[in-house]
Amino acid sequence: MGPIVQEGSIFRGVRTVIIRLIEKKALDAYQHLSHSMNSYYARIKPFWGQEIAAATQSASWVRPGLIMATFQVLGLLLLTCVDAFAHAVTQGDKGYIQEISGVHLLPFTYLGAKHMMTGYDHILFLLGVIFFLYKLRHIAVYVSLFAIGHSTTMVLGVYYNIGINSYLIDAVIGFSVVYKALDNLGAFQRWFGVQPNTKAATLVFGLIHGFGLATKIQSYEVSPDGLLPNLLAFNVGVEIGQLLALAVILIGMSYWRRTAGFVRHAYSANVVMMSAGFILVGMQLTGYFVSP
């Protein structure tokens, strides 16, 4: 029992240090972002109109306590949910996939949809992408770019057995959530005076998310017999899951946008999203350094 206790103590110590470092970075980010309201105002003005944008500019939304409360909740998850450090495959699903061979379209479709519907990192990024998109055609363009990206690298990554450490690729996926939240906050205009191409960024991060999906499938140890049809079925399932998740997000966002709370709390929501992204990065990097 001695080595196990020692390893657990080291594991908890590393997680505690990472949480403290992320908290400090989040507070530093808060101090910078609290001065970026003018950039944010300029960004939303064309979409929301003069009156709503003016209310947005004058609102005092972000409180350090909100950020710290986020870290208390997410930090508790970090300290208690060891299995969350990787894209864990349930033993039932993994055992079933390892026992079968040949073409099995429905099981792989189900697994793809299940992964997307329970993939909190993918859903957070998708939420960030559509947060300020109001027209369905704009939503369709960005979601399609994301789908093209992750479909391409998912199929190629598994078919050509491109090995990427799951912790590292998931850390980059967590960073994509941070990036999108900062983009929504107008931080890049504030810090660098430029606005990155949002469509290109969505496609690039879609490619990265696809490699995350590829590591998920590789962990199943799928039989090479019928691999390509099963991969395509998994991808169809991912797209079905993405559409279902998108429908839920759009319904929730449509309801929220009709309330006065959206104007008051949109900025805070993206700060919370950014904080969650930092937590995801910390979780995966901790798993990378402490995993055997």
Protein backbone atom coordinates (compact mmCIF):
# COMPACT_ATOMS: atom_id res chain seq x y z
CA MET A 1 0.00 0.00 0.00
CA GLY A 2 2.96 2.31 0.53
CA PRO A 3 3.74 3.00 -3.17
CA ILE A 4 0.06 3.54 -3.93
CA VAL A 5 -0.31 6.08 -1.13
CA GLN A 6 2.85 7.85 -2.24
CA GLU A 7 1.71 7.99 -5.87
CA GLY A 8 -1.69 9.31 -4.81
CA SER A 9 -0.06 12.00 -2.67
CA ILE A 10 2.17 13.09 -5.55
CA PHE A 11 -0.84 13.08 -7.90
CA ARG A 12 -2.88 15.28 -5.57
CA GLY A 13 0.09 17.60 -5.05
CA VAL A 14 0.62 18.10 -8.77
CA ARG A 15 -3.09 18.80 -9.30
CA THR A 16 -3.11 21.33 -6.45
CA VAL A 17 -0.11 23.18 -7.91
CA ILE A 18 -1.71 23.30 -11.37
CA ILE A 19 -4.98 24.62 -9.94
CA ARG A 20 -3.13 27.40 -8.11
CA LEU A 21 -1.20 28.35 -11.26
CA ILE A 22 -4.36 28.41 -13.37
CA GLU A 23 -6.17 30.52 -10.76
CA LYS A 24 -3.36 33.08 -10.89
CA LYS A 25 -3.45 33.15 -14.68
CA ALA A 26 -7.22 33.53 -14.65
CA LEU A 27 -7.03 36.49 -12.28
CA ASP A 28 -4.35 38.09 -14.46
CA ALA A 29 -6.59 37.52 -17.47
CA TYR A 30 -9.48 39.09 -15.59
CA GLN A 31 -7.44 42.23 -14.92
CA HIS A 32 -6.60 42.54 -18.62
CA LEU A 33 -10.04 41.62 -19.93
CA SER A 34 -11.81 44.02 -17.60
CA HIS A 35 -10.19 46.84 -19.59
CA SER A 36 -11.22 45.46 -22.98
CA MET A 37 -14.87 46.53 -22.94
CA ASN A 38 -14.33 49.15 -25.65
CA SER A 39 -13.02 46.51 -28.04
CA TYR A 40 -15.87 44.21 -27.08
CA TYR A 41 -18.37 47.02 -27.63
CA ALA A 42 -16.97 47.66 -31.10
CA ARG A 43 -17.20 43.97 -31.90
CA ILE A 44 -20.84 43.46 -30.96
CA LYS A 45 -22.16 46.83 -32.13
CA PRO A 46 -22.80 45.73 -35.75
CA PHE A 47 -24.77 42.68 -34.57
CA TRP A 48 -26.75 43.98 -31.59
CA GLY A 49 -27.49 47.53 -32.57
CA GLN A 50 -26.86 50.83 -30.83
CA GLU A 51 -29.11 50.49 -27.78
CA ILE A 52 -28.16 46.94 -26.77
CA ALA A 53 -24.49 47.55 -27.46
CA ALA A 54 -24.57 50.69 -25.35
CA ALA A 55 -26.13 48.76 -22.50
CA THR A 56 -23.42 46.13 -22.96
CA GLN A 57 -20.68 48.74 -22.82
CA SER A 58 -21.95 50.27 -19.59
CA ALA A 59 -22.80 47.01 -17.81
CA SER A 60 -20.58 45.80 -15.02
CA TRP A 61 -20.66 42.04 -15.48
CA VAL A 62 -17.43 40.33 -14.59
CA ARG A 63 -16.62 39.77 -10.96
CA PRO A 64 -13.49 37.99 -9.68
CA GLY A 65 -15.76 36.00 -7.38
CA LEU A 66 -17.48 34.48 -10.42
CA ILE A 67 -14.16 33.26 -11.76
CA MET A 68 -13.10 31.90 -8.37
CA ALA A 69 -16.44 30.12 -7.93
CA THR A 70 -15.88 28.47 -11.30
CA PHE A 71 -12.48 27.25 -10.19
CA GLN A 72 -13.87 25.93 -6.92
CA VAL A 73 -16.43 23.79 -8.76
CA LEU A 74 -14.14 22.66 -11.57
CA GLY A 75 -11.24 22.23 -9.18
CA LEU A 76 -13.37 19.90 -7.06
CA LEU A 77 -14.04 17.82 -10.16
CA LEU A 78 -10.31 17.84 -10.90
CA LEU A 79 -9.50 16.57 -7.41
CA THR A 80 -12.14 13.83 -7.37
CA CYS A 81 -12.51 12.58 -10.95
CA VAL A 82 -9.30 10.78 -11.85
CA ASP A 83 -10.91 9.10 -14.86
CA ALA A 84 -11.56 12.49 -16.45
CA PHE A 85 -7.86 12.89 -17.31
CA ALA A 86 -8.26 10.91 -20.50
CA HIS A 87 -10.92 10.21 -23.08
CA ALA A 88 -11.81 7.12 -21.12
CA VAL A 89 -13.51 4.30 -22.99
CA THR A 90 -16.11 2.44 -20.96
CA GLN A 91 -15.15 -1.16 -20.37
CA GLY A 92 -18.42 -2.41 -21.84
CA ASP A 93 -17.95 -0.54 -25.13
CA LYS A 94 -14.27 -1.44 -25.36
CA GLY A 95 -14.87 -5.11 -24.65
CA TYR A 96 -17.63 -5.31 -27.25
CA ILE A 97 -15.55 -3.64 -29.97
CA GLN A 98 -12.56 -5.87 -29.26
CA GLU A 99 -14.67 -9.00 -29.60
CA ILE A 100 -16.19 -8.20 -33.00
CA SER A 101 -14.72 -8.05 -36.48
CA GLY A 102 -16.09 -7.17 -39.88
CA VAL A 103 -18.55 -4.44 -40.77
CA HIS A 104 -20.78 -3.30 -37.88
CA LEU A 105 -22.30 0.00 -38.92
CA LEU A 106 -24.92 0.52 -36.21
CA PRO A 107 -22.63 -0.09 -33.20
CA PHE A 108 -20.02 2.33 -34.54
CA THR A 109 -22.67 4.89 -35.38
CA TYR A 110 -23.92 4.66 -31.80
CA LEU A 111 -20.39 5.02 -30.39
CA GLY A 112 -19.74 8.10 -32.53
CA ALA A 113 -22.96 9.79 -31.42
CA LYS A 114 -22.30 8.85 -27.80
CA HIS A 115 -18.81 10.32 -27.90
CA MET A 116 -19.98 13.64 -29.29
CA MET A 117 -22.95 13.94 -26.95
CA THR A 118 -20.77 13.26 -23.90
CA GLY A 119 -17.67 15.09 -25.16
CA TYR A 120 -17.74 18.19 -22.96
CA ASP A 121 -14.66 19.66 -24.68
CA HIS A 122 -16.23 19.41 -28.14
CA ILE A 123 -19.54 20.83 -26.90
CA LEU A 124 -17.83 23.77 -25.16
CA PHE A 125 -15.96 24.66 -28.34
CA LEU A 126 -19.15 24.36 -30.39
CA LEU A 127 -20.91 26.63 -27.90
CA GLY A 128 -18.16 29.21 -28.27
CA VAL A 129 -18.33 29.06 -32.06
CA ILE A 130 -22.05 29.81 -32.26
CA PHE A 131 -22.27 32.10 -29.22
CA PHE A 132 -22.59 35.29 -31.29
CA LEU A 133 -24.00 33.73 -34.47
CA TYR A 134 -27.64 34.58 -35.04
CA LYS A 135 -28.37 33.57 -38.65
CA LEU A 136 -28.78 29.90 -39.50
CA ARG A 137 -26.70 30.19 -42.66
CA HIS A 138 -23.76 31.53 -40.64
CA ILE A 139 -24.16 28.73 -38.10
CA ALA A 140 -24.28 26.19 -40.95
CA VAL A 141 -21.02 27.53 -42.44
CA TYR A 142 -19.06 27.36 -39.18
CA VAL A 143 -20.46 24.00 -38.11
CA SER A 144 -19.69 22.60 -41.57
CA LEU A 145 -16.09 23.82 -41.37
CA PHE A 146 -15.73 22.20 -37.96
CA ALA A 147 -17.26 18.96 -39.28
CA ILE A 148 -15.01 18.88 -42.35
CA GLY A 149 -11.96 19.39 -40.14
CA HIS A 150 -12.66 16.72 -37.57
CA SER A 151 -13.97 14.22 -40.12
CA THR A 152 -10.80 14.49 -42.20
CA THR A 153 -8.26 13.97 -39.44
CA MET A 154 -10.38 11.37 -37.65
CA VAL A 155 -10.50 9.06 -40.68
CA LEU A 156 -6.88 9.66 -41.73
CA GLY A 157 -5.57 9.42 -38.18
CA VAL A 158 -7.11 5.98 -37.61
CA TYR A 159 -6.67 4.58 -41.12
CA TYR A 160 -2.96 5.45 -41.23
CA ASN A 161 -2.50 4.76 -37.51
CA ILE A 162 -1.15 8.23 -36.70
CA GLY A 163 -0.25 7.98 -33.03
CA ILE A 164 -0.69 11.10 -30.88
CA ASN A 165 -0.65 11.09 -27.10
CA SER A 166 -4.28 11.38 -25.99
CA TYR A 167 -3.45 13.67 -23.05
CA LEU A 168 -1.53 16.14 -25.22
CA ILE A 169 -4.11 16.30 -28.01
CA ASP A 170 -6.89 16.72 -25.44
CA ALA A 171 -4.89 19.54 -23.83
CA VAL A 172 -4.78 21.31 -27.21
CA ILE A 173 -8.53 20.72 -27.56
CA GLY A 174 -8.97 22.35 -24.14
CA PHE A 175 -6.89 25.27 -25.39
CA SER A 176 -9.26 25.61 -28.36
CA VAL A 177 -12.02 26.39 -25.84
CA VAL A 178 -9.80 29.07 -24.26
CA TYR A 179 -9.00 30.51 -27.69
CA LYS A 180 -12.64 30.74 -28.76
CA ALA A 181 -13.68 32.36 -25.49
CA LEU A 182 -10.91 34.96 -25.85
CA ASP A 183 -11.98 35.56 -29.44
CA ASN A 184 -15.57 36.14 -28.29
CA LEU A 185 -14.26 38.57 -25.68
CA GLY A 186 -12.40 40.60 -28.31
CA ALA A 187 -9.09 39.91 -26.54
CA PHE A 188 -7.03 39.54 -29.71
CA GLN A 189 -8.11 42.94 -30.97
CA ARG A 190 -7.19 44.40 -27.61
CA TRP A 191 -3.82 42.69 -27.24
CA PHE A 192 -2.57 42.48 -30.83
CA GLY A 193 -4.75 44.93 -32.76
CA VAL A 194 -5.89 42.24 -35.21
CA GLN A 195 -8.89 39.96 -35.55
CA PRO A 196 -7.95 36.37 -36.50
CA ASN A 197 -9.90 34.74 -39.29
CA THR A 198 -12.67 32.99 -37.37
CA LYS A 199 -13.52 30.59 -40.19
CA ALA A 200 -9.91 29.47 -40.62
CA ALA A 201 -9.56 29.03 -36.85
CA THR A 202 -12.72 26.90 -36.75
CA LEU A 203 -11.37 24.66 -39.52
CA VAL A 204 -7.93 24.34 -37.91
CA PHE A 205 -9.35 23.49 -34.51
CA GLY A 206 -11.73 21.08 -36.23
CA LEU A 207 -8.67 19.24 -37.58
CA ILE A 208 -7.26 19.10 -34.05
CA HIS A 209 -10.52 17.84 -32.58
CA GLY A 210 -10.49 15.14 -35.27
CA PHE A 211 -7.17 13.81 -33.99
CA GLY A 212 -8.79 13.66 -30.55
CA LEU A 213 -11.54 11.51 -32.07
CA ALA A 214 -8.89 9.37 -33.75
CA THR A 215 -7.16 8.62 -30.43
CA LYS A 216 -10.58 7.69 -29.06
CA ILE A 217 -11.12 5.11 -31.81
CA GLN A 218 -7.56 3.80 -31.59
CA SER A 219 -8.13 3.09 -27.90
CA TYR A 220 -10.89 0.66 -28.93
CA GLU A 221 -8.29 -1.49 -30.72
CA VAL A 222 -10.62 -1.88 -33.68
CA SER A 223 -10.19 -4.89 -35.93
CA PRO A 224 -8.70 -4.03 -39.34
CA ASP A 225 -11.42 -6.18 -40.92
CA GLY A 226 -14.07 -3.70 -42.10
CA LEU A 227 -12.12 -0.77 -40.68
CA LEU A 228 -13.03 1.86 -43.29
CA PRO A 229 -16.82 1.25 -43.28
CA ASN A 230 -16.78 1.22 -39.49
CA LEU A 231 -14.82 4.48 -39.44
CA LEU A 232 -17.33 6.11 -41.76
CA ALA A 233 -20.17 4.84 -39.57
CA PHE A 234 -18.44 6.27 -36.48
CA ASN A 235 -18.12 9.59 -38.30
CA VAL A 236 -21.82 9.54 -39.22
CA GLY A 237 -22.57 8.98 -35.55
CA VAL A 238 -20.36 11.90 -34.59
CA GLU A 239 -22.25 14.15 -36.98
CA ILE A 240 -25.59 12.94 -35.64
CA GLY A 241 -24.40 13.61 -32.11
CA GLN A 242 -23.12 17.02 -33.13
CA LEU A 243 -26.47 17.95 -34.67
CA LEU A 244 -28.31 16.81 -31.54
CA ALA A 245 -25.94 18.76 -29.30
CA LEU A 246 -26.23 21.78 -31.59
CA ALA A 247 -30.03 21.60 -31.45
CA VAL A 248 -29.98 21.61 -27.65
CA ILE A 249 -27.51 24.52 -27.59
CA LEU A 250 -29.53 26.57 -30.10
CA ILE A 251 -32.75 26.01 -28.19
CA GLY A 252 -31.11 27.13 -24.96
CA MET A 253 -29.35 30.08 -26.60
CA SER A 254 -32.54 31.21 -28.35
CA TYR A 255 -34.39 31.26 -25.05
CA TRP A 256 -31.52 33.01 -23.25
CA ARG A 257 -31.11 35.66 -25.94
CA ARG A 258 -34.73 36.73 -25.49
CA THR A 259 -34.07 37.62 -21.86
CA ALA A 260 -32.36 40.70 -20.46
CA GLY A 261 -29.90 38.39 -18.74
CA PHE A 262 -28.11 37.64 -21.99
CA VAL A 263 -27.03 41.24 -22.42
CA ARG A 264 -25.86 41.39 -18.81
CA HIS A 265 -24.08 38.08 -18.65
CA ALA A 266 -22.71 37.26 -22.12
CA TYR A 267 -19.29 38.60 -21.20
CA SER A 268 -19.23 36.67 -17.92
CA ALA A 269 -20.32 33.49 -19.69
CA ASN A 270 -17.30 33.65 -21.98
CA VAL A 271 -14.97 34.28 -19.04
CA VAL A 272 -16.39 31.16 -17.39
CA MET A 273 -15.91 29.28 -20.67
CA MET A 274 -12.31 30.45 -20.81
CA SER A 275 -11.78 29.31 -17.21
CA ALA A 276 -13.26 25.90 -18.01
CA GLY A 277 -10.87 25.62 -20.96
CA PHE A 278 -7.90 26.35 -18.68
CA ILE A 279 -9.14 23.66 -16.30
CA LEU A 280 -9.38 21.14 -19.16
CA VAL A 281 -5.83 21.97 -20.22
CA GLY A 282 -4.60 21.54 -16.65
CA MET A 283 -6.43 18.23 -16.26
CA GLN A 284 -4.89 16.74 -19.38
CA LEU A 285 -1.37 18.01 -18.68
CA THR A 286 -1.59 16.62 -15.16
CA GLY A 287 -2.66 13.26 -16.58
CA TYR A 288 0.26 13.37 -19.04
CA PHE A 289 2.89 13.98 -16.36
CA VAL A 290 1.57 11.55 -13.73
CA SER A 291 0.34 8.71 -15.95
CA PRO A 292 2.59 5.62 -16.04
